[in-house]
Amino acid sequence: MEVVLATSNPGKARESRAILEDSGIHVSTVPLWLGEVETGTTFEENARLKAAAALRMVHKPVLAEDAGLEVDALHGLPGVHSARFAGPAATPAQNNAKLLRLLEGVTEREARYRVVAVLLFPTGRIVTGEGTLDGRVTESPRGEGGFGYDPIFVPAGEERTVAEMGADEKNLMSHRAMALRTLLGALEPS
């Protein structure tokens, strides 16, 4: 099966391709900027909105997702606003810096990555998968790999940030991998 990955984020595209490479799904990407359709209040709403907008453009099965970091001490922020936490044109470094400023002096730094992936077919069939990766926010960035909040996020049971891990290692445990495995499982005939 061929699906179009609806994202303009090269990190998400790279990870999704790597996770799906052995599944029999060929992932092509079309650089679609869908940030303007992210008007939902949940990851699932935003993923569905992006999938529907992309499907109208490409008329092929579309895989879209919305993901972010939820910090308990900030009542779930940055959440659905993770990509633009420090402003509409914010860089990942600016988002990380804002988050670290808000957590100054906070000792309870539990957080989780959350993602909802949506596969939408031209027939209207929709398959979803959700994944979470629990962990905590560090006090300063570490590592050169990954993207987004990876330099300041340490998964539960780890001492390294996600940015200090290799891509293969990250893809085995990530919230994205969990969501895509769930989605693939829902596609298999029962």
N, C-alpha and C. Protein backbone atom coordinates (compact mmCIF):
# COMPACT_ATOMS: atom_id res chain seq x y z
N MET A 1 0.84 -1.17 0.00
CA MET A 1 0.00 0.00 0.00
C MET A 1 0.90 1.24 0.00
N GLU A 2 0.47 2.26 -0.72
CA GLU A 2 1.18 3.53 -0.72
C GLU A 2 0.35 4.57 0.00
N VAL A 3 0.98 5.29 0.91
CA VAL A 3 0.31 6.38 1.61
C VAL A 3 1.16 7.63 1.50
N VAL A 4 0.49 8.75 1.54
CA VAL A 4 1.17 10.04 1.52
C VAL A 4 1.22 10.53 2.96
N LEU A 5 2.41 10.84 3.42
CA LEU A 5 2.59 11.37 4.76
C LEU A 5 2.42 12.88 4.69
N ALA A 6 1.43 13.38 5.38
CA ALA A 6 1.11 14.80 5.35
C ALA A 6 1.87 15.51 6.46
N THR A 7 3.05 16.00 6.13
CA THR A 7 3.84 16.75 7.10
C THR A 7 4.84 17.62 6.38
N SER A 8 5.21 18.69 7.02
CA SER A 8 6.31 19.51 6.52
C SER A 8 7.51 19.38 7.45
N ASN A 9 7.41 18.48 8.43
CA ASN A 9 8.46 18.29 9.42
C ASN A 9 9.37 17.14 8.96
N PRO A 10 10.61 17.45 8.56
CA PRO A 10 11.50 16.38 8.07
C PRO A 10 11.82 15.33 9.13
N GLY A 11 11.85 15.70 10.39
CA GLY A 11 12.10 14.73 11.45
C GLY A 11 10.98 13.71 11.55
N LYS A 12 9.74 14.18 11.51
CA LYS A 12 8.59 13.25 11.54
C LYS A 12 8.60 12.35 10.32
N ALA A 13 8.90 12.92 9.16
CA ALA A 13 8.93 12.12 7.93
C ALA A 13 9.99 11.03 8.01
N ARG A 14 11.17 11.38 8.47
CA ARG A 14 12.28 10.42 8.58
C ARG A 14 11.91 9.30 9.56
N GLU A 15 11.38 9.66 10.72
CA GLU A 15 11.01 8.65 11.72
C GLU A 15 9.88 7.75 11.21
N SER A 16 8.86 8.34 10.63
CA SER A 16 7.72 7.54 10.15
C SER A 16 8.15 6.56 9.08
N ARG A 17 8.99 7.01 8.15
CA ARG A 17 9.49 6.11 7.10
C ARG A 17 10.26 4.94 7.72
N ALA A 18 11.14 5.26 8.65
CA ALA A 18 11.97 4.21 9.28
C ALA A 18 11.10 3.21 10.04
N ILE A 19 10.08 3.70 10.73
CA ILE A 19 9.22 2.82 11.51
C ILE A 19 8.38 1.93 10.60
N LEU A 20 7.93 2.47 9.48
CA LEU A 20 7.03 1.74 8.58
C LEU A 20 7.73 0.95 7.48
N GLU A 21 9.07 1.05 7.38
CA GLU A 21 9.77 0.47 6.23
C GLU A 21 9.57 -1.03 6.06
N ASP A 22 9.36 -1.78 7.12
CA ASP A 22 9.18 -3.23 7.01
C ASP A 22 7.72 -3.66 7.04
N SER A 23 6.80 -2.72 6.96
CA SER A 23 5.38 -3.03 7.12
C SER A 23 4.65 -3.31 5.81
N GLY A 24 5.32 -3.09 4.69
CA GLY A 24 4.63 -3.23 3.41
C GLY A 24 3.93 -1.96 2.98
N ILE A 25 4.10 -0.90 3.76
CA ILE A 25 3.52 0.40 3.41
C ILE A 25 4.63 1.28 2.86
N HIS A 26 4.45 1.74 1.65
CA HIS A 26 5.40 2.68 1.05
C HIS A 26 4.93 4.08 1.39
N VAL A 27 5.81 4.84 2.02
CA VAL A 27 5.47 6.19 2.45
C VAL A 27 6.11 7.20 1.51
N SER A 28 5.28 7.98 0.88
CA SER A 28 5.80 9.10 0.11
C SER A 28 5.43 10.37 0.85
N THR A 29 6.18 11.39 0.63
CA THR A 29 5.87 12.64 1.31
C THR A 29 5.62 13.72 0.27
N VAL A 30 4.71 14.55 0.59
CA VAL A 30 4.44 15.75 -0.18
C VAL A 30 4.59 16.87 0.83
N PRO A 31 5.46 17.81 0.56
CA PRO A 31 5.66 18.88 1.56
C PRO A 31 4.40 19.73 1.70
N LEU A 32 3.60 19.36 2.65
CA LEU A 32 2.34 20.06 2.90
C LEU A 32 2.44 20.84 4.20
N TRP A 33 2.22 22.13 4.12
CA TRP A 33 2.17 22.91 5.35
C TRP A 33 0.72 22.94 5.79
N LEU A 34 0.42 22.25 6.86
CA LEU A 34 -0.95 22.12 7.31
C LEU A 34 -1.17 22.76 8.67
N GLY A 35 -0.21 23.56 9.11
CA GLY A 35 -0.32 24.20 10.42
C GLY A 35 -1.55 25.07 10.55
N GLU A 36 -1.99 25.67 9.45
CA GLU A 36 -3.15 26.55 9.52
C GLU A 36 -4.46 25.80 9.76
N VAL A 37 -4.48 24.48 9.56
CA VAL A 37 -5.70 23.72 9.82
C VAL A 37 -5.72 23.13 11.22
N GLU A 38 -4.65 23.32 11.98
CA GLU A 38 -4.58 22.79 13.35
C GLU A 38 -5.40 23.68 14.29
N THR A 39 -6.70 23.59 14.16
CA THR A 39 -7.58 24.41 14.99
C THR A 39 -8.29 23.59 16.06
N GLY A 40 -7.98 22.31 16.13
CA GLY A 40 -8.60 21.44 17.12
C GLY A 40 -8.05 21.67 18.52
N THR A 41 -8.73 21.12 19.49
CA THR A 41 -8.29 21.25 20.88
C THR A 41 -7.62 19.98 21.39
N THR A 42 -7.57 18.94 20.53
CA THR A 42 -6.91 17.69 20.92
C THR A 42 -5.99 17.25 19.78
N PHE A 43 -5.06 16.37 20.09
CA PHE A 43 -4.18 15.82 19.07
C PHE A 43 -4.99 15.09 17.99
N GLU A 44 -6.01 14.34 18.41
CA GLU A 44 -6.79 13.60 17.43
C GLU A 44 -7.55 14.54 16.49
N GLU A 45 -8.14 15.58 17.05
CA GLU A 45 -8.86 16.54 16.18
C GLU A 45 -7.89 17.13 15.15
N ASN A 46 -6.72 17.55 15.59
CA ASN A 46 -5.76 18.15 14.67
C ASN A 46 -5.28 17.15 13.62
N ALA A 47 -5.04 15.92 14.03
CA ALA A 47 -4.60 14.90 13.07
C ALA A 47 -5.69 14.66 12.02
N ARG A 48 -6.93 14.59 12.44
CA ARG A 48 -8.03 14.38 11.51
C ARG A 48 -8.19 15.58 10.56
N LEU A 49 -8.05 16.78 11.09
CA LEU A 49 -8.14 17.98 10.25
C LEU A 49 -7.03 18.00 9.20
N LYS A 50 -5.82 17.66 9.61
CA LYS A 50 -4.70 17.64 8.66
C LYS A 50 -4.88 16.54 7.62
N ALA A 51 -5.35 15.38 8.05
CA ALA A 51 -5.56 14.28 7.10
C ALA A 51 -6.62 14.66 6.06
N ALA A 52 -7.70 15.26 6.51
CA ALA A 52 -8.78 15.65 5.58
C ALA A 52 -8.29 16.71 4.60
N ALA A 53 -7.53 17.68 5.08
CA ALA A 53 -7.01 18.73 4.20
C ALA A 53 -6.03 18.15 3.18
N ALA A 54 -5.18 17.24 3.62
CA ALA A 54 -4.21 16.62 2.71
C ALA A 54 -4.91 15.73 1.69
N LEU A 55 -5.92 14.98 2.13
CA LEU A 55 -6.65 14.10 1.21
C LEU A 55 -7.29 14.91 0.08
N ARG A 56 -7.80 16.08 0.39
CA ARG A 56 -8.39 16.94 -0.65
C ARG A 56 -7.35 17.36 -1.68
N MET A 57 -6.07 17.39 -1.28
CA MET A 57 -5.00 17.80 -2.19
C MET A 57 -4.46 16.65 -3.02
N VAL A 58 -4.34 15.45 -2.43
CA VAL A 58 -3.63 14.37 -3.12
C VAL A 58 -4.52 13.22 -3.57
N HIS A 59 -5.72 13.07 -3.03
CA HIS A 59 -6.68 12.03 -3.43
C HIS A 59 -6.09 10.62 -3.36
N LYS A 60 -5.28 10.39 -2.34
CA LYS A 60 -4.68 9.08 -2.05
C LYS A 60 -4.78 8.87 -0.55
N PRO A 61 -4.56 7.63 -0.08
CA PRO A 61 -4.53 7.44 1.37
C PRO A 61 -3.49 8.35 2.00
N VAL A 62 -3.89 8.99 3.09
CA VAL A 62 -3.06 10.00 3.75
C VAL A 62 -2.82 9.61 5.20
N LEU A 63 -1.58 9.73 5.63
CA LEU A 63 -1.22 9.54 7.02
C LEU A 63 -0.86 10.90 7.59
N ALA A 64 -1.58 11.29 8.63
CA ALA A 64 -1.29 12.57 9.29
C ALA A 64 -1.25 12.30 10.79
N GLU A 65 -0.60 13.18 11.49
CA GLU A 65 -0.52 13.04 12.94
C GLU A 65 -0.44 14.39 13.60
N ASP A 66 -0.71 14.39 14.87
CA ASP A 66 -0.42 15.56 15.69
C ASP A 66 0.21 15.03 16.96
N ALA A 67 1.25 15.69 17.38
CA ALA A 67 2.02 15.22 18.53
C ALA A 67 2.49 16.41 19.35
N GLY A 68 2.84 16.12 20.57
CA GLY A 68 3.39 17.18 21.41
C GLY A 68 3.84 16.64 22.74
N LEU A 69 4.33 17.56 23.53
CA LEU A 69 4.81 17.25 24.87
C LEU A 69 3.82 17.79 25.88
N GLU A 70 3.43 16.97 26.84
CA GLU A 70 2.53 17.38 27.91
C GLU A 70 3.31 17.34 29.23
N VAL A 71 3.37 18.47 29.91
CA VAL A 71 4.12 18.57 31.16
C VAL A 71 3.12 18.70 32.31
N ASP A 72 3.20 17.77 33.25
CA ASP A 72 2.24 17.73 34.35
C ASP A 72 2.22 19.04 35.15
N ALA A 73 3.40 19.58 35.48
CA ALA A 73 3.47 20.79 36.30
C ALA A 73 2.86 22.00 35.59
N LEU A 74 2.69 21.90 34.28
CA LEU A 74 2.10 22.99 33.50
C LEU A 74 0.69 22.62 33.02
N HIS A 75 0.08 21.66 33.71
CA HIS A 75 -1.29 21.24 33.40
C HIS A 75 -1.45 20.80 31.95
N GLY A 76 -0.43 20.10 31.44
CA GLY A 76 -0.50 19.55 30.09
C GLY A 76 0.10 20.41 28.99
N LEU A 77 0.53 21.60 29.32
CA LEU A 77 1.18 22.45 28.30
C LEU A 77 2.57 21.89 28.02
N PRO A 78 3.10 22.10 26.85
CA PRO A 78 2.58 22.85 25.72
C PRO A 78 1.50 22.11 24.93
N GLY A 79 1.37 20.81 25.06
CA GLY A 79 0.28 20.06 24.46
C GLY A 79 0.12 20.29 22.97
N VAL A 80 -1.12 20.58 22.53
CA VAL A 80 -1.37 20.75 21.10
C VAL A 80 -0.67 21.99 20.54
N HIS A 81 -0.13 22.81 21.40
CA HIS A 81 0.58 24.02 20.95
C HIS A 81 2.09 23.81 20.95
N SER A 82 2.55 22.57 21.05
CA SER A 82 3.98 22.29 21.19
C SER A 82 4.83 22.91 20.09
N ALA A 83 4.42 22.82 18.84
CA ALA A 83 5.25 23.32 17.73
C ALA A 83 5.34 24.84 17.71
N ARG A 84 4.37 25.52 18.31
CA ARG A 84 4.36 26.97 18.29
C ARG A 84 4.24 27.55 19.71
N PHE A 85 4.82 26.83 20.66
CA PHE A 85 4.71 27.21 22.07
C PHE A 85 5.29 28.60 22.34
N ALA A 86 6.39 28.92 21.71
CA ALA A 86 7.03 30.23 21.91
C ALA A 86 6.61 31.24 20.85
N GLY A 87 5.63 30.90 20.04
CA GLY A 87 5.13 31.80 19.01
C GLY A 87 4.95 31.08 17.69
N PRO A 88 4.20 31.69 16.75
CA PRO A 88 3.87 31.02 15.49
C PRO A 88 5.07 30.62 14.65
N ALA A 89 6.14 31.37 14.70
CA ALA A 89 7.33 31.06 13.90
C ALA A 89 8.49 30.60 14.77
N ALA A 90 8.19 30.10 15.96
CA ALA A 90 9.23 29.71 16.91
C ALA A 90 10.04 28.51 16.41
N THR A 91 11.32 28.52 16.72
CA THR A 91 12.19 27.39 16.42
C THR A 91 12.09 26.39 17.58
N PRO A 92 12.51 25.14 17.34
CA PRO A 92 12.53 24.19 18.47
C PRO A 92 13.36 24.71 19.65
N ALA A 93 14.47 25.35 19.38
CA ALA A 93 15.30 25.88 20.48
C ALA A 93 14.53 26.94 21.28
N GLN A 94 13.75 27.76 20.61
CA GLN A 94 12.96 28.78 21.32
C GLN A 94 11.85 28.13 22.14
N ASN A 95 11.21 27.10 21.59
CA ASN A 95 10.18 26.37 22.35
C ASN A 95 10.78 25.73 23.58
N ASN A 96 11.95 25.09 23.42
CA ASN A 96 12.63 24.45 24.54
C ASN A 96 13.00 25.48 25.60
N ALA A 97 13.53 26.62 25.17
CA ALA A 97 13.94 27.67 26.12
C ALA A 97 12.74 28.19 26.91
N LYS A 98 11.62 28.40 26.24
CA LYS A 98 10.43 28.88 26.95
C LYS A 98 9.97 27.85 27.98
N LEU A 99 9.95 26.58 27.58
CA LEU A 99 9.53 25.53 28.51
C LEU A 99 10.45 25.46 29.72
N LEU A 100 11.75 25.52 29.48
CA LEU A 100 12.70 25.48 30.59
C LEU A 100 12.54 26.69 31.51
N ARG A 101 12.27 27.86 30.95
CA ARG A 101 12.03 29.06 31.78
C ARG A 101 10.81 28.85 32.68
N LEU A 102 9.75 28.30 32.12
CA LEU A 102 8.53 28.08 32.90
C LEU A 102 8.73 27.05 34.01
N LEU A 103 9.70 26.16 33.82
CA LEU A 103 9.95 25.11 34.81
C LEU A 103 11.08 25.45 35.79
N GLU A 104 11.63 26.65 35.69
CA GLU A 104 12.69 27.03 36.63
C GLU A 104 12.18 26.90 38.05
N GLY A 105 12.96 26.20 38.89
CA GLY A 105 12.60 26.00 40.28
C GLY A 105 11.60 24.89 40.52
N VAL A 106 11.08 24.28 39.48
CA VAL A 106 10.11 23.19 39.61
C VAL A 106 10.88 21.87 39.68
N THR A 107 10.62 21.09 40.73
CA THR A 107 11.34 19.82 40.88
C THR A 107 10.57 18.65 40.28
N GLU A 108 9.25 18.72 40.28
CA GLU A 108 8.43 17.67 39.69
C GLU A 108 8.29 17.98 38.20
N ARG A 109 9.05 17.26 37.36
CA ARG A 109 9.13 17.60 35.94
C ARG A 109 8.62 16.48 35.04
N GLU A 110 7.67 15.68 35.56
CA GLU A 110 7.11 14.58 34.78
C GLU A 110 6.40 15.13 33.54
N ALA A 111 6.57 14.38 32.46
CA ALA A 111 5.99 14.79 31.19
C ALA A 111 5.80 13.56 30.32
N ARG A 112 5.16 13.76 29.21
CA ARG A 112 5.02 12.67 28.24
C ARG A 112 4.90 13.25 26.85
N TYR A 113 5.47 12.50 25.92
CA TYR A 113 5.19 12.76 24.52
C TYR A 113 3.88 12.03 24.21
N ARG A 114 3.01 12.68 23.45
CA ARG A 114 1.77 12.04 23.03
C ARG A 114 1.59 12.31 21.54
N VAL A 115 1.10 11.31 20.83
CA VAL A 115 0.83 11.46 19.40
C VAL A 115 -0.43 10.68 19.04
N VAL A 116 -1.18 11.23 18.11
CA VAL A 116 -2.28 10.50 17.49
C VAL A 116 -2.01 10.53 15.99
N ALA A 117 -1.98 9.34 15.39
CA ALA A 117 -1.77 9.19 13.95
C ALA A 117 -3.10 8.76 13.33
N VAL A 118 -3.39 9.33 12.18
CA VAL A 118 -4.63 9.05 11.47
C VAL A 118 -4.31 8.66 10.04
N LEU A 119 -4.84 7.54 9.61
CA LEU A 119 -4.73 7.12 8.22
C LEU A 119 -6.13 7.26 7.62
N LEU A 120 -6.26 8.15 6.64
CA LEU A 120 -7.54 8.44 6.01
C LEU A 120 -7.50 8.00 4.56
N PHE A 121 -8.48 7.19 4.19
CA PHE A 121 -8.58 6.68 2.83
C PHE A 121 -9.56 7.53 2.02
N PRO A 122 -9.40 7.57 0.70
CA PRO A 122 -10.36 8.30 -0.14
C PRO A 122 -11.80 7.80 0.02
N THR A 123 -11.98 6.56 0.46
CA THR A 123 -13.32 6.01 0.68
C THR A 123 -13.98 6.57 1.93
N GLY A 124 -13.21 7.26 2.75
CA GLY A 124 -13.72 7.78 4.02
C GLY A 124 -13.33 6.92 5.21
N ARG A 125 -12.79 5.72 4.97
CA ARG A 125 -12.33 4.87 6.08
C ARG A 125 -11.21 5.60 6.82
N ILE A 126 -11.26 5.51 8.13
CA ILE A 126 -10.25 6.15 8.95
C ILE A 126 -9.75 5.16 10.00
N VAL A 127 -8.44 5.10 10.16
CA VAL A 127 -7.81 4.23 11.14
C VAL A 127 -6.91 5.12 11.99
N THR A 128 -6.96 4.95 13.30
CA THR A 128 -6.14 5.78 14.19
C THR A 128 -5.26 4.93 15.08
N GLY A 129 -4.21 5.54 15.55
CA GLY A 129 -3.31 4.93 16.52
C GLY A 129 -2.78 6.01 17.43
N GLU A 130 -2.67 5.71 18.71
CA GLU A 130 -2.17 6.68 19.67
C GLU A 130 -0.97 6.09 20.40
N GLY A 131 -0.03 6.94 20.74
CA GLY A 131 1.13 6.49 21.49
C GLY A 131 1.58 7.54 22.48
N THR A 132 2.13 7.08 23.59
CA THR A 132 2.70 7.98 24.59
C THR A 132 4.06 7.44 25.02
N LEU A 133 4.91 8.35 25.41
CA LEU A 133 6.21 8.00 25.98
C LEU A 133 6.39 8.85 27.22
N ASP A 134 6.33 8.20 28.38
CA ASP A 134 6.47 8.91 29.65
C ASP A 134 7.92 9.22 29.95
N GLY A 135 8.14 10.29 30.69
CA GLY A 135 9.48 10.67 31.07
C GLY A 135 9.47 11.95 31.90
N ARG A 136 10.53 12.71 31.73
CA ARG A 136 10.66 13.97 32.48
C ARG A 136 11.45 14.97 31.66
N VAL A 137 11.28 16.23 32.02
CA VAL A 137 11.99 17.32 31.35
C VAL A 137 13.27 17.61 32.14
N THR A 138 14.37 17.75 31.41
CA THR A 138 15.66 18.05 32.04
C THR A 138 15.73 19.54 32.40
N GLU A 139 16.83 19.93 33.02
CA GLU A 139 17.02 21.34 33.36
C GLU A 139 17.76 22.10 32.28
N SER A 140 18.39 21.36 31.34
CA SER A 140 19.08 22.02 30.22
C SER A 140 19.15 21.03 29.06
N PRO A 141 19.27 21.54 27.84
CA PRO A 141 19.33 20.66 26.66
C PRO A 141 20.59 19.81 26.65
N ARG A 142 20.45 18.57 26.14
CA ARG A 142 21.58 17.67 25.97
C ARG A 142 21.37 16.85 24.71
N GLY A 143 22.41 16.70 23.92
CA GLY A 143 22.36 15.84 22.75
C GLY A 143 22.12 16.60 21.46
N GLU A 144 22.50 15.94 20.36
CA GLU A 144 22.42 16.56 19.04
C GLU A 144 21.41 15.88 18.12
N GLY A 145 20.88 14.75 18.51
CA GLY A 145 19.97 14.01 17.63
C GLY A 145 18.53 14.43 17.82
N GLY A 146 17.67 13.76 17.07
CA GLY A 146 16.24 13.99 17.21
C GLY A 146 15.82 15.37 16.75
N PHE A 147 14.68 15.81 17.24
CA PHE A 147 14.15 17.12 16.90
C PHE A 147 13.15 17.55 17.96
N GLY A 148 12.65 18.75 17.87
CA GLY A 148 11.64 19.24 18.81
C GLY A 148 12.17 19.29 20.23
N TYR A 149 11.44 18.65 21.13
CA TYR A 149 11.78 18.68 22.55
C TYR A 149 12.75 17.57 22.95
N ASP A 150 13.24 16.79 22.00
CA ASP A 150 14.15 15.67 22.29
C ASP A 150 15.35 16.06 23.16
N PRO A 151 15.97 17.24 22.98
CA PRO A 151 17.13 17.57 23.81
C PRO A 151 16.82 17.79 25.28
N ILE A 152 15.53 17.95 25.63
CA ILE A 152 15.19 18.21 27.04
C ILE A 152 14.24 17.15 27.61
N PHE A 153 14.09 16.02 26.91
CA PHE A 153 13.18 14.98 27.38
C PHE A 153 13.93 13.68 27.62
N VAL A 154 13.81 13.14 28.83
CA VAL A 154 14.42 11.86 29.21
C VAL A 154 13.29 10.85 29.43
N PRO A 155 13.26 9.78 28.63
CA PRO A 155 12.22 8.76 28.82
C PRO A 155 12.35 8.07 30.18
N ALA A 156 11.24 7.61 30.71
CA ALA A 156 11.24 6.87 31.98
C ALA A 156 12.20 5.69 31.89
N GLY A 157 12.99 5.51 32.94
CA GLY A 157 13.95 4.41 32.99
C GLY A 157 15.26 4.71 32.29
N GLU A 158 15.41 5.90 31.74
CA GLU A 158 16.62 6.31 31.02
C GLU A 158 17.31 7.43 31.76
N GLU A 159 18.56 7.63 31.46
CA GLU A 159 19.30 8.78 31.96
C GLU A 159 19.62 9.76 30.82
N ARG A 160 19.55 9.24 29.58
CA ARG A 160 19.86 10.07 28.42
C ARG A 160 18.60 10.75 27.89
N THR A 161 18.80 11.92 27.30
CA THR A 161 17.69 12.54 26.60
C THR A 161 17.47 11.78 25.29
N VAL A 162 16.33 12.00 24.68
CA VAL A 162 16.05 11.36 23.40
C VAL A 162 17.05 11.83 22.36
N ALA A 163 17.51 13.07 22.48
CA ALA A 163 18.49 13.61 21.54
C ALA A 163 19.87 12.97 21.69
N GLU A 164 20.10 12.27 22.80
CA GLU A 164 21.37 11.56 23.01
C GLU A 164 21.30 10.11 22.52
N MET A 165 20.13 9.69 22.07
CA MET A 165 19.95 8.32 21.57
C MET A 165 20.12 8.28 20.07
N GLY A 166 20.43 7.12 19.55
CA GLY A 166 20.45 6.93 18.11
C GLY A 166 19.04 6.83 17.56
N ALA A 167 18.89 7.08 16.28
CA ALA A 167 17.57 7.05 15.66
C ALA A 167 16.91 5.68 15.79
N ASP A 168 17.66 4.60 15.58
CA ASP A 168 17.08 3.26 15.69
C ASP A 168 16.56 2.99 17.09
N GLU A 169 17.33 3.41 18.08
CA GLU A 169 16.93 3.20 19.47
C GLU A 169 15.66 4.00 19.78
N LYS A 170 15.63 5.24 19.35
CA LYS A 170 14.46 6.08 19.56
C LYS A 170 13.23 5.46 18.90
N ASN A 171 13.40 4.98 17.68
CA ASN A 171 12.27 4.44 16.93
C ASN A 171 11.70 3.16 17.54
N LEU A 172 12.46 2.47 18.36
CA LEU A 172 11.94 1.29 19.04
C LEU A 172 11.00 1.65 20.18
N MET A 173 11.25 2.77 20.84
CA MET A 173 10.49 3.10 22.05
C MET A 173 9.56 4.28 21.91
N SER A 174 9.65 5.01 20.83
CA SER A 174 8.98 6.31 20.74
C SER A 174 7.46 6.21 20.73
N HIS A 175 6.85 7.31 21.10
CA HIS A 175 5.41 7.46 21.04
C HIS A 175 4.91 7.30 19.60
N ARG A 176 5.69 7.78 18.65
CA ARG A 176 5.33 7.66 17.22
C ARG A 176 5.33 6.19 16.79
N ALA A 177 6.35 5.45 17.20
CA ALA A 177 6.41 4.02 16.87
C ALA A 177 5.21 3.29 17.46
N MET A 178 4.86 3.60 18.69
CA MET A 178 3.72 2.97 19.35
C MET A 178 2.43 3.27 18.58
N ALA A 179 2.24 4.51 18.20
CA ALA A 179 1.02 4.89 17.47
C ALA A 179 0.95 4.20 16.12
N LEU A 180 2.07 4.16 15.41
CA LEU A 180 2.07 3.54 14.08
C LEU A 180 1.90 2.03 14.16
N ARG A 181 2.46 1.39 15.20
CA ARG A 181 2.24 -0.06 15.38
C ARG A 181 0.76 -0.33 15.68
N THR A 182 0.13 0.51 16.50
CA THR A 182 -1.29 0.36 16.79
C THR A 182 -2.11 0.52 15.51
N LEU A 183 -1.77 1.51 14.72
CA LEU A 183 -2.46 1.77 13.47
C LEU A 183 -2.31 0.58 12.52
N LEU A 184 -1.09 0.06 12.40
CA LEU A 184 -0.85 -1.11 11.53
C LEU A 184 -1.65 -2.31 12.00
N GLY A 185 -1.71 -2.50 13.31
CA GLY A 185 -2.49 -3.61 13.85
C GLY A 185 -3.96 -3.51 13.49
N ALA A 186 -4.48 -2.30 13.46
CA ALA A 186 -5.88 -2.10 13.10
C ALA A 186 -6.13 -2.34 11.61
N LEU A 187 -5.08 -2.26 10.81
CA LEU A 187 -5.22 -2.50 9.37
C LEU A 187 -5.24 -3.98 9.03
N GLU A 188 -4.64 -4.80 9.90
CA GLU A 188 -4.56 -6.24 9.61
C GLU A 188 -5.93 -6.87 9.65
N PRO A 189 -6.21 -7.79 8.70
CA PRO A 189 -7.51 -8.47 8.72
C PRO A 189 -7.67 -9.32 9.98
N SER A 190 -8.86 -9.34 10.52
CA SER A 190 -9.08 -10.11 11.75
C SER A 190 -9.41 -11.55 11.46
